[in-house]
Amino acid sequence: MGDAPLAYLLALNFDAAMWGLFVFDRILVRVNRDRWGALGFGGAVHLARFGVIIGTLALAPLFGISGWYLGLAANIVCVIFAAVLVTVRKLWRSSGILVAWRGRLALLFLLPLLVEVLLWALPAGLRDEQPGFGMWALTLLLVGVNEELTSRVVVLERMRLSFPPGAAVAVTAALFGMQHLSALATTSRSLDDVLLNVLVSACYGFALAAFQYRYRWVTPLILLHAAADFTTILSVRPLPDGVVAVTVVGFLALGATILRTTRVLGIQDTIHNKV
């Protein structure tokens, strides 16, 4: 009889432990399902954008658009696509597109990206290719707008809901890099060249996504992205591979530093709220 209460308590503890494990397992399943859902959403957004590009390139000639202007048309339609996504998901405010200033530290974090832009242009300068600097600038600004809104606003904000900061930024960057596989279908570039571009773009996207995660200020990212494409494409003397490798490492270091400040500031805010 003396052992009965002990056995009863052990049974209760066992049942409680099993119930706790069951609840924990359900939570993990739900979390994992949500993360897979986020990954699926991000992939679907980029695939949809690719479909928009291919559809525009196929249909634009029916309206008399040809040659270089096919790219311009595709980017105009991609901007519309991105704007619709941001509107439907109600992300204009959180994008920070109308914010004029986020502080000196934010500006400091943007300086390495500006330096990378200038490295491609100086000292040799840029070559003036058809249809001229103006049309190139317009087209690449549209690229900056649609890619930043799609990746650093729509996709990143969805990843923010399901992943911790580092993972959200890394996943967003990886998806951004992989979207450049579309060059295999839209250009004559070699596989090696496209894969290298995927890697560089992912590392560049890591820095941009980290900045957007920390500051939610997409406007300077649009401008710097467009400027980087402009100087990279039109550079008279492209950077040597070794220098490009250094800039890639720099992008990763910049993103990691921004994420580090995000984590530190988050801890400080938590302590402040508890006090």
C-alpha atoms as a PDB file:
ATOM      1  CA  MET A   1       0.000   0.000   0.000  1.00  0.00           C
ATOM      2  CA  GLY A   2       2.897   2.355   0.787  1.00  0.00           C
ATOM      3  CA  ASP A   3       4.180   2.095  -2.757  1.00  0.00           C
ATOM      4  CA  ALA A   4       0.818   2.990  -4.312  1.00  0.00           C
ATOM      5  CA  PRO A   5       1.049   6.798  -3.877  1.00  0.00           C
ATOM      6  CA  LEU A   6       4.597   6.741  -5.275  1.00  0.00           C
ATOM      7  CA  ALA A   7       3.508   4.694  -8.273  1.00  0.00           C
ATOM      8  CA  TYR A   8       0.563   7.041  -8.772  1.00  0.00           C
ATOM      9  CA  LEU A   9       2.853  10.088  -8.709  1.00  0.00           C
ATOM     10  CA  LEU A  10       5.261   8.461 -11.129  1.00  0.00           C
ATOM     11  CA  ALA A  11       2.383   7.691 -13.469  1.00  0.00           C
ATOM     12  CA  LEU A  12       1.166  11.283 -13.267  1.00  0.00           C
ATOM     13  CA  ASN A  13       4.662  12.615 -13.954  1.00  0.00           C
ATOM     14  CA  PHE A  14       5.055  10.204 -16.857  1.00  0.00           C
ATOM     15  CA  ASP A  15       1.722  11.293 -18.331  1.00  0.00           C
ATOM     16  CA  ALA A  16       2.637  14.971 -17.879  1.00  0.00           C
ATOM     17  CA  ALA A  17       6.024  14.422 -19.516  1.00  0.00           C
ATOM     18  CA  MET A  18       4.465  12.590 -22.463  1.00  0.00           C
ATOM     19  CA  TRP A  19       1.854  15.312 -22.865  1.00  0.00           C
ATOM     20  CA  GLY A  20       4.586  17.948 -22.753  1.00  0.00           C
ATOM     21  CA  LEU A  21       6.560  16.098 -25.423  1.00  0.00           C
ATOM     22  CA  PHE A  22       3.445  15.804 -27.562  1.00  0.00           C
ATOM     23  CA  VAL A  23       2.727  19.548 -27.283  1.00  0.00           C
ATOM     24  CA  PHE A  24       6.376  20.373 -27.993  1.00  0.00           C
ATOM     25  CA  ASP A  25       6.308  18.092 -31.028  1.00  0.00           C
ATOM     26  CA  ARG A  26       3.155  19.803 -32.331  1.00  0.00           C
ATOM     27  CA  ILE A  27       4.808  23.172 -31.864  1.00  0.00           C
ATOM     28  CA  LEU A  28       7.879  22.011 -33.789  1.00  0.00           C
ATOM     29  CA  VAL A  29       5.695  20.650 -36.584  1.00  0.00           C
ATOM     30  CA  ARG A  30       3.827  23.943 -36.794  1.00  0.00           C
ATOM     31  CA  VAL A  31       7.054  25.971 -36.745  1.00  0.00           C
ATOM     32  CA  ASN A  32       8.647  23.784 -39.406  1.00  0.00           C
ATOM     33  CA  ARG A  33       5.503  23.911 -41.508  1.00  0.00           C
ATOM     34  CA  ASP A  34       5.511  27.704 -41.245  1.00  0.00           C
ATOM     35  CA  ARG A  35       9.155  27.842 -42.292  1.00  0.00           C
ATOM     36  CA  TRP A  36       8.555  25.578 -45.248  1.00  0.00           C
ATOM     37  CA  GLY A  37       5.620  27.782 -46.113  1.00  0.00           C
ATOM     38  CA  ALA A  38       7.870  30.837 -45.996  1.00  0.00           C
ATOM     39  CA  LEU A  39      10.431  29.143 -48.241  1.00  0.00           C
ATOM     40  CA  GLY A  40       7.681  28.128 -50.643  1.00  0.00           C
ATOM     41  CA  PHE A  41       6.348  31.666 -50.710  1.00  0.00           C
ATOM     42  CA  GLY A  42       9.782  33.136 -51.423  1.00  0.00           C
ATOM     43  CA  GLY A  43      10.457  30.658 -54.190  1.00  0.00           C
ATOM     44  CA  ALA A  44       7.013  31.238 -55.690  1.00  0.00           C
ATOM     45  CA  VAL A  45       7.542  35.023 -55.756  1.00  0.00           C
ATOM     46  CA  HIS A  46      10.808  34.675 -57.651  1.00  0.00           C
ATOM     47  CA  LEU A  47       9.368  32.086 -60.031  1.00  0.00           C
ATOM     48  CA  ALA A  48       6.403  34.349 -60.692  1.00  0.00           C
ATOM     49  CA  ARG A  49       8.757  37.235 -61.464  1.00  0.00           C
ATOM     50  CA  PHE A  50      10.646  34.979 -63.875  1.00  0.00           C
ATOM     51  CA  GLY A  51       7.342  34.103 -65.521  1.00  0.00           C
ATOM     52  CA  VAL A  52       6.568  37.799 -65.893  1.00  0.00           C
ATOM     53  CA  ILE A  53       9.916  38.333 -67.629  1.00  0.00           C
ATOM     54  CA  ILE A  54       9.498  35.397 -70.008  1.00  0.00           C
ATOM     55  CA  GLY A  55       5.895  36.371 -70.770  1.00  0.00           C
ATOM     56  CA  THR A  56       6.846  39.957 -71.526  1.00  0.00           C
ATOM     57  CA  LEU A  57       9.741  38.928 -73.773  1.00  0.00           C
ATOM     58  CA  ALA A  58       7.353  36.659 -75.670  1.00  0.00           C
ATOM     59  CA  LEU A  59       4.475  39.126 -76.019  1.00  0.00           C
ATOM     60  CA  ALA A  60       6.301  42.448 -76.439  1.00  0.00           C
ATOM     61  CA  PRO A  61       7.255  41.790 -80.112  1.00  0.00           C
ATOM     62  CA  LEU A  62       3.547  41.541 -80.909  1.00  0.00           C
ATOM     63  CA  PHE A  63       3.338  45.235 -80.000  1.00  0.00           C
ATOM     64  CA  GLY A  64       6.337  46.232 -82.107  1.00  0.00           C
ATOM     65  CA  ILE A  65       8.875  46.164 -79.255  1.00  0.00           C
ATOM     66  CA  SER A  66      12.186  44.590 -80.195  1.00  0.00           C
ATOM     67  CA  GLY A  67      15.922  44.584 -79.612  1.00  0.00           C
ATOM     68  CA  TRP A  68      17.301  46.401 -76.598  1.00  0.00           C
ATOM     69  CA  TYR A  69      13.866  47.739 -75.647  1.00  0.00           C
ATOM     70  CA  LEU A  70      12.608  44.253 -74.814  1.00  0.00           C
ATOM     71  CA  GLY A  71      14.628  44.453 -71.601  1.00  0.00           C
ATOM     72  CA  LEU A  72      13.190  47.852 -70.788  1.00  0.00           C
ATOM     73  CA  ALA A  73       9.658  46.539 -71.310  1.00  0.00           C
ATOM     74  CA  ALA A  74      10.306  43.486 -69.140  1.00  0.00           C
ATOM     75  CA  ASN A  75      11.570  45.668 -66.311  1.00  0.00           C
ATOM     76  CA  ILE A  76       8.593  48.013 -66.523  1.00  0.00           C
ATOM     77  CA  VAL A  77       6.241  45.050 -66.180  1.00  0.00           C
ATOM     78  CA  CYS A  78       8.376  43.668 -63.314  1.00  0.00           C
ATOM     79  CA  VAL A  79       8.057  46.984 -61.473  1.00  0.00           C
ATOM     80  CA  ILE A  80       4.278  46.776 -61.839  1.00  0.00           C
ATOM     81  CA  PHE A  81       4.392  43.182 -60.583  1.00  0.00           C
ATOM     82  CA  ALA A  82       6.489  44.177 -57.558  1.00  0.00           C
ATOM     83  CA  ALA A  83       4.283  47.177 -56.777  1.00  0.00           C
ATOM     84  CA  VAL A  84       1.168  45.005 -56.856  1.00  0.00           C
ATOM     85  CA  LEU A  85       2.776  42.508 -54.467  1.00  0.00           C
ATOM     86  CA  VAL A  86       3.803  45.235 -52.023  1.00  0.00           C
ATOM     87  CA  THR A  87       0.331  46.761 -52.203  1.00  0.00           C
ATOM     88  CA  VAL A  88      -1.528  43.486 -51.714  1.00  0.00           C
ATOM     89  CA  ARG A  89       0.647  42.578 -48.728  1.00  0.00           C
ATOM     90  CA  LYS A  90       0.402  46.136 -47.323  1.00  0.00           C
ATOM     91  CA  LEU A  91       4.160  46.606 -47.063  1.00  0.00           C
ATOM     92  CA  TRP A  92       4.680  50.134 -48.407  1.00  0.00           C
ATOM     93  CA  ARG A  93       4.967  51.646 -44.934  1.00  0.00           C
ATOM     94  CA  SER A  94       7.287  48.968 -43.563  1.00  0.00           C
ATOM     95  CA  SER A  95       9.464  49.178 -46.685  1.00  0.00           C
ATOM     96  CA  GLY A  96      10.619  52.650 -45.654  1.00  0.00           C
ATOM     97  CA  ILE A  97      10.486  53.844 -49.244  1.00  0.00           C
ATOM     98  CA  LEU A  98       9.376  57.336 -48.176  1.00  0.00           C
ATOM     99  CA  VAL A  99      11.768  57.609 -45.226  1.00  0.00           C
ATOM    100  CA  ALA A 100      14.349  60.361 -45.686  1.00  0.00           C
ATOM    101  CA  TRP A 101      16.770  59.542 -42.875  1.00  0.00           C
ATOM    102  CA  ARG A 102      17.587  56.611 -40.593  1.00  0.00           C
ATOM    103  CA  GLY A 103      20.603  58.015 -38.797  1.00  0.00           C
ATOM    104  CA  ARG A 104      24.358  58.285 -39.164  1.00  0.00           C
ATOM    105  CA  LEU A 105      25.064  54.619 -38.463  1.00  0.00           C
ATOM    106  CA  ALA A 106      22.752  53.589 -41.300  1.00  0.00           C
ATOM    107  CA  LEU A 107      24.613  55.965 -43.620  1.00  0.00           C
ATOM    108  CA  LEU A 108      27.924  54.517 -42.465  1.00  0.00           C
ATOM    109  CA  PHE A 109      26.770  51.013 -43.357  1.00  0.00           C
ATOM    110  CA  LEU A 110      25.867  52.233 -46.859  1.00  0.00           C
ATOM    111  CA  LEU A 111      29.337  53.649 -47.551  1.00  0.00           C
ATOM    112  CA  PRO A 112      31.002  50.287 -48.442  1.00  0.00           C
ATOM    113  CA  LEU A 113      28.280  49.697 -51.012  1.00  0.00           C
ATOM    114  CA  LEU A 114      28.946  53.134 -52.510  1.00  0.00           C
ATOM    115  CA  VAL A 115      32.685  52.415 -52.597  1.00  0.00           C
ATOM    116  CA  GLU A 116      32.006  49.207 -54.546  1.00  0.00           C
ATOM    117  CA  VAL A 117      29.987  51.223 -57.077  1.00  0.00           C
ATOM    118  CA  LEU A 118      32.861  53.663 -57.561  1.00  0.00           C
ATOM    119  CA  LEU A 119      35.501  50.922 -57.879  1.00  0.00           C
ATOM    120  CA  TRP A 120      33.962  49.835 -61.184  1.00  0.00           C
ATOM    121  CA  ALA A 121      33.898  53.384 -62.560  1.00  0.00           C
ATOM    122  CA  LEU A 122      37.246  54.806 -61.401  1.00  0.00           C
ATOM    123  CA  PRO A 123      39.718  55.693 -62.703  1.00  0.00           C
ATOM    124  CA  ALA A 124      39.033  54.383 -66.224  1.00  0.00           C
ATOM    125  CA  GLY A 125      35.436  55.610 -66.411  1.00  0.00           C
ATOM    126  CA  LEU A 126      32.409  54.204 -68.210  1.00  0.00           C
ATOM    127  CA  ARG A 127      31.812  53.403 -71.874  1.00  0.00           C
ATOM    128  CA  ASP A 128      28.843  54.956 -73.647  1.00  0.00           C
ATOM    129  CA  GLU A 129      26.945  52.062 -75.219  1.00  0.00           C
ATOM    130  CA  GLN A 130      23.753  52.210 -77.217  1.00  0.00           C
ATOM    131  CA  PRO A 131      21.114  53.386 -76.582  1.00  0.00           C
ATOM    132  CA  GLY A 132      23.036  55.830 -74.360  1.00  0.00           C
ATOM    133  CA  PHE A 133      23.633  56.506 -70.681  1.00  0.00           C
ATOM    134  CA  GLY A 134      20.123  57.834 -70.136  1.00  0.00           C
ATOM    135  CA  MET A 135      18.297  54.708 -71.282  1.00  0.00           C
ATOM    136  CA  TRP A 136      20.727  52.461 -69.438  1.00  0.00           C
ATOM    137  CA  ALA A 137      20.216  54.485 -66.259  1.00  0.00           C
ATOM    138  CA  LEU A 138      16.425  54.290 -66.609  1.00  0.00           C
ATOM    139  CA  THR A 139      16.415  50.557 -67.253  1.00  0.00           C
ATOM    140  CA  LEU A 140      18.777  49.749 -64.398  1.00  0.00           C
ATOM    141  CA  LEU A 141      16.839  51.991 -62.024  1.00  0.00           C
ATOM    142  CA  LEU A 142      13.775  49.912 -62.880  1.00  0.00           C
ATOM    143  CA  VAL A 143      15.826  46.789 -62.141  1.00  0.00           C
ATOM    144  CA  GLY A 144      16.756  48.231 -58.759  1.00  0.00           C
ATOM    145  CA  VAL A 145      13.142  49.085 -57.970  1.00  0.00           C
ATOM    146  CA  ASN A 146      11.622  45.751 -58.906  1.00  0.00           C
ATOM    147  CA  GLU A 147      14.359  43.564 -57.394  1.00  0.00           C
ATOM    148  CA  GLU A 148      14.508  45.484 -54.112  1.00  0.00           C
ATOM    149  CA  LEU A 149      10.733  45.556 -53.688  1.00  0.00           C
ATOM    150  CA  THR A 150      10.448  41.883 -54.573  1.00  0.00           C
ATOM    151  CA  SER A 151      13.374  40.527 -52.581  1.00  0.00           C
ATOM    152  CA  ARG A 152      14.194  42.969 -49.781  1.00  0.00           C
ATOM    153  CA  VAL A 153      10.585  43.930 -49.055  1.00  0.00           C
ATOM    154  CA  VAL A 154       8.119  41.180 -50.021  1.00  0.00           C
ATOM    155  CA  VAL A 155      10.296  38.095 -49.521  1.00  0.00           C
ATOM    156  CA  LEU A 156      12.318  39.395 -46.554  1.00  0.00           C
ATOM    157  CA  GLU A 157       9.240  40.525 -44.657  1.00  0.00           C
ATOM    158  CA  ARG A 158       7.767  37.034 -45.039  1.00  0.00           C
ATOM    159  CA  MET A 159      11.007  35.419 -43.836  1.00  0.00           C
ATOM    160  CA  ARG A 160      11.085  37.828 -40.884  1.00  0.00           C
ATOM    161  CA  LEU A 161       7.866  36.215 -39.602  1.00  0.00           C
ATOM    162  CA  SER A 162       9.241  32.666 -39.636  1.00  0.00           C
ATOM    163  CA  PHE A 163      13.006  32.835 -39.078  1.00  0.00           C
ATOM    164  CA  PRO A 164      15.450  34.517 -36.680  1.00  0.00           C
ATOM    165  CA  PRO A 165      17.327  37.502 -38.164  1.00  0.00           C
ATOM    166  CA  GLY A 166      20.387  35.682 -39.510  1.00  0.00           C
ATOM    167  CA  ALA A 167      18.391  32.914 -41.126  1.00  0.00           C
ATOM    168  CA  ALA A 168      15.807  35.314 -42.571  1.00  0.00           C
ATOM    169  CA  VAL A 169      18.558  37.373 -44.181  1.00  0.00           C
ATOM    170  CA  ALA A 170      20.500  34.329 -45.425  1.00  0.00           C
ATOM    171  CA  VAL A 171      17.437  32.676 -46.968  1.00  0.00           C
ATOM    172  CA  THR A 172      16.399  35.929 -48.641  1.00  0.00           C
ATOM    173  CA  ALA A 173      19.926  36.364 -50.013  1.00  0.00           C
ATOM    174  CA  ALA A 174      20.075  32.782 -51.305  1.00  0.00           C
ATOM    175  CA  LEU A 175      16.750  33.147 -53.107  1.00  0.00           C
ATOM    176  CA  PHE A 176      17.909  36.464 -54.571  1.00  0.00           C
ATOM    177  CA  GLY A 177      21.077  34.816 -55.858  1.00  0.00           C
ATOM    178  CA  MET A 178      19.196  31.886 -57.377  1.00  0.00           C
ATOM    179  CA  GLN A 179      16.818  34.184 -59.228  1.00  0.00           C
ATOM    180  CA  HIS A 180      19.794  35.098 -61.414  1.00  0.00           C
ATOM    181  CA  LEU A 181      19.696  31.591 -62.857  1.00  0.00           C
ATOM    182  CA  SER A 182      17.105  33.159 -65.159  1.00  0.00           C
ATOM    183  CA  ALA A 183      20.059  34.438 -67.198  1.00  0.00           C
ATOM    184  CA  LEU A 184      20.405  30.904 -68.562  1.00  0.00           C
ATOM    185  CA  ALA A 185      17.059  31.394 -70.314  1.00  0.00           C
ATOM    186  CA  THR A 186      17.249  35.092 -71.165  1.00  0.00           C
ATOM    187  CA  THR A 187      20.907  35.538 -72.205  1.00  0.00           C
ATOM    188  CA  SER A 188      23.667  33.661 -74.028  1.00  0.00           C
ATOM    189  CA  ARG A 189      26.003  33.647 -71.020  1.00  0.00           C
ATOM    190  CA  SER A 190      27.844  30.438 -70.174  1.00  0.00           C
ATOM    191  CA  LEU A 191      26.844  28.223 -67.246  1.00  0.00           C
ATOM    192  CA  ASP A 192      30.045  29.027 -65.322  1.00  0.00           C
ATOM    193  CA  ASP A 193      29.485  32.764 -65.766  1.00  0.00           C
ATOM    194  CA  VAL A 194      25.869  32.530 -64.610  1.00  0.00           C
ATOM    195  CA  LEU A 195      26.751  30.404 -61.557  1.00  0.00           C
ATOM    196  CA  LEU A 196      29.454  32.882 -60.563  1.00  0.00           C
ATOM    197  CA  ASN A 197      26.919  35.682 -60.895  1.00  0.00           C
ATOM    198  CA  VAL A 198      24.505  33.724 -58.693  1.00  0.00           C
ATOM    199  CA  LEU A 199      27.165  33.466 -55.976  1.00  0.00           C
ATOM    200  CA  VAL A 200      28.196  37.135 -56.159  1.00  0.00           C
ATOM    201  CA  SER A 201      24.557  38.253 -56.234  1.00  0.00           C
ATOM    202  CA  ALA A 202      23.710  36.137 -53.188  1.00  0.00           C
ATOM    203  CA  CYS A 203      26.591  37.667 -51.204  1.00  0.00           C
ATOM    204  CA  TYR A 204      25.612  41.166 -52.349  1.00  0.00           C
ATOM    205  CA  GLY A 205      22.006  40.377 -51.454  1.00  0.00           C
ATOM    206  CA  PHE A 206      23.126  39.272 -47.992  1.00  0.00           C
ATOM    207  CA  ALA A 207      24.465  42.752 -47.232  1.00  0.00           C
ATOM    208  CA  LEU A 208      21.365  44.448 -48.653  1.00  0.00           C
ATOM    209  CA  ALA A 209      18.955  42.148 -46.815  1.00  0.00           C
ATOM    210  CA  ALA A 210      20.804  42.657 -43.519  1.00  0.00           C
ATOM    211  CA  PHE A 211      20.530  46.423 -43.963  1.00  0.00           C
ATOM    212  CA  GLN A 212      16.831  46.240 -44.803  1.00  0.00           C
ATOM    213  CA  TYR A 213      16.179  43.886 -41.887  1.00  0.00           C
ATOM    214  CA  ARG A 214      17.860  46.324 -39.490  1.00  0.00           C
ATOM    215  CA  TYR A 215      16.616  49.638 -40.889  1.00  0.00           C
ATOM    216  CA  ARG A 216      13.617  49.008 -43.169  1.00  0.00           C
ATOM    217  CA  TRP A 217      14.889  51.717 -45.514  1.00  0.00           C
ATOM    218  CA  VAL A 218      14.695  50.429 -49.070  1.00  0.00           C
ATOM    219  CA  THR A 219      15.181  53.703 -50.978  1.00  0.00           C
ATOM    220  CA  PRO A 220      18.996  53.919 -50.694  1.00  0.00           C
ATOM    221  CA  LEU A 221      19.204  50.217 -51.540  1.00  0.00           C
ATOM    222  CA  ILE A 222      17.289  50.828 -54.774  1.00  0.00           C
ATOM    223  CA  LEU A 223      19.619  53.656 -55.754  1.00  0.00           C
ATOM    224  CA  LEU A 224      22.816  51.799 -54.836  1.00  0.00           C
ATOM    225  CA  HIS A 225      21.628  48.624 -56.552  1.00  0.00           C
ATOM    226  CA  ALA A 226      20.880  50.531 -59.742  1.00  0.00           C
ATOM    227  CA  ALA A 227      24.213  52.370 -59.557  1.00  0.00           C
ATOM    228  CA  ALA A 228      26.119  49.119 -58.983  1.00  0.00           C
ATOM    229  CA  ASP A 229      24.526  47.532 -62.049  1.00  0.00           C
ATOM    230  CA  PHE A 230      25.208  50.693 -64.070  1.00  0.00           C
ATOM    231  CA  THR A 231      28.933  50.874 -63.297  1.00  0.00           C
ATOM    232  CA  THR A 232      29.438  47.101 -63.469  1.00  0.00           C
ATOM    233  CA  ILE A 233      27.873  46.757 -66.928  1.00  0.00           C
ATOM    234  CA  LEU A 234      29.396  49.897 -68.446  1.00  0.00           C
ATOM    235  CA  SER A 235      32.824  49.783 -66.811  1.00  0.00           C
ATOM    236  CA  VAL A 236      35.675  50.445 -69.250  1.00  0.00           C
ATOM    237  CA  ARG A 237      38.035  48.352 -67.118  1.00  0.00           C
ATOM    238  CA  PRO A 238      36.189  45.656 -65.118  1.00  0.00           C
ATOM    239  CA  LEU A 239      37.617  44.713 -61.752  1.00  0.00           C
ATOM    240  CA  PRO A 240      40.048  41.757 -61.657  1.00  0.00           C
ATOM    241  CA  ASP A 241      38.721  38.506 -60.219  1.00  0.00           C
ATOM    242  CA  GLY A 242      40.815  38.935 -57.081  1.00  0.00           C
ATOM    243  CA  VAL A 243      39.271  42.309 -56.332  1.00  0.00           C
ATOM    244  CA  VAL A 244      35.785  40.929 -56.985  1.00  0.00           C
ATOM    245  CA  ALA A 245      36.524  38.139 -54.491  1.00  0.00           C
ATOM    246  CA  VAL A 246      37.537  40.721 -51.894  1.00  0.00           C
ATOM    247  CA  THR A 247      34.321  42.692 -52.456  1.00  0.00           C
ATOM    248  CA  VAL A 248      32.279  39.492 -52.052  1.00  0.00           C
ATOM    249  CA  VAL A 249      33.930  38.833 -48.690  1.00  0.00           C
ATOM    250  CA  GLY A 250      33.288  42.463 -47.853  1.00  0.00           C
ATOM    251  CA  PHE A 251      29.575  42.066 -48.577  1.00  0.00           C
ATOM    252  CA  LEU A 252      29.380  39.096 -46.207  1.00  0.00           C
ATOM    253  CA  ALA A 253      31.316  40.934 -43.505  1.00  0.00           C
ATOM    254  CA  LEU A 254      29.111  43.997 -43.867  1.00  0.00           C
ATOM    255  CA  GLY A 255      25.951  41.935 -43.576  1.00  0.00           C
ATOM    256  CA  ALA A 256      27.286  40.075 -40.535  1.00  0.00           C
ATOM    257  CA  THR A 257      28.237  43.352 -38.858  1.00  0.00           C
ATOM    258  CA  ILE A 258      24.798  44.835 -39.434  1.00  0.00           C
ATOM    259  CA  LEU A 259      23.167  41.677 -38.050  1.00  0.00           C
ATOM    260  CA  ARG A 260      25.470  41.870 -35.032  1.00  0.00           C
ATOM    261  CA  THR A 261      24.305  45.410 -34.287  1.00  0.00           C
ATOM    262  CA  THR A 262      20.708  44.253 -34.767  1.00  0.00           C
ATOM    263  CA  ARG A 263      21.203  41.521 -32.162  1.00  0.00           C
ATOM    264  CA  VAL A 264      22.947  43.821 -29.674  1.00  0.00           C
ATOM    265  CA  LEU A 265      20.299  46.508 -30.019  1.00  0.00           C
ATOM    266  CA  GLY A 266      17.594  43.877 -29.639  1.00  0.00           C
ATOM    267  CA  ILE A 267      19.129  42.675 -26.370  1.00  0.00           C
ATOM    268  CA  GLN A 268      19.435  46.244 -25.113  1.00  0.00           C
ATOM    269  CA  ASP A 269      15.782  46.940 -25.976  1.00  0.00           C
ATOM    270  CA  THR A 270      14.723  43.776 -24.117  1.00  0.00           C
ATOM    271  CA  ILE A 271      16.670  44.782 -21.005  1.00  0.00           C
ATOM    272  CA  HIS A 272      15.253  48.308 -21.185  1.00  0.00           C
ATOM    273  CA  ASN A 273      11.687  46.989 -21.464  1.00  0.00           C
ATOM    274  CA  LYS A 274      12.172  44.685 -18.470  1.00  0.00           C
ATOM    275  CA  VAL A 275      13.517  47.541 -16.360  1.00  0.00           C
END
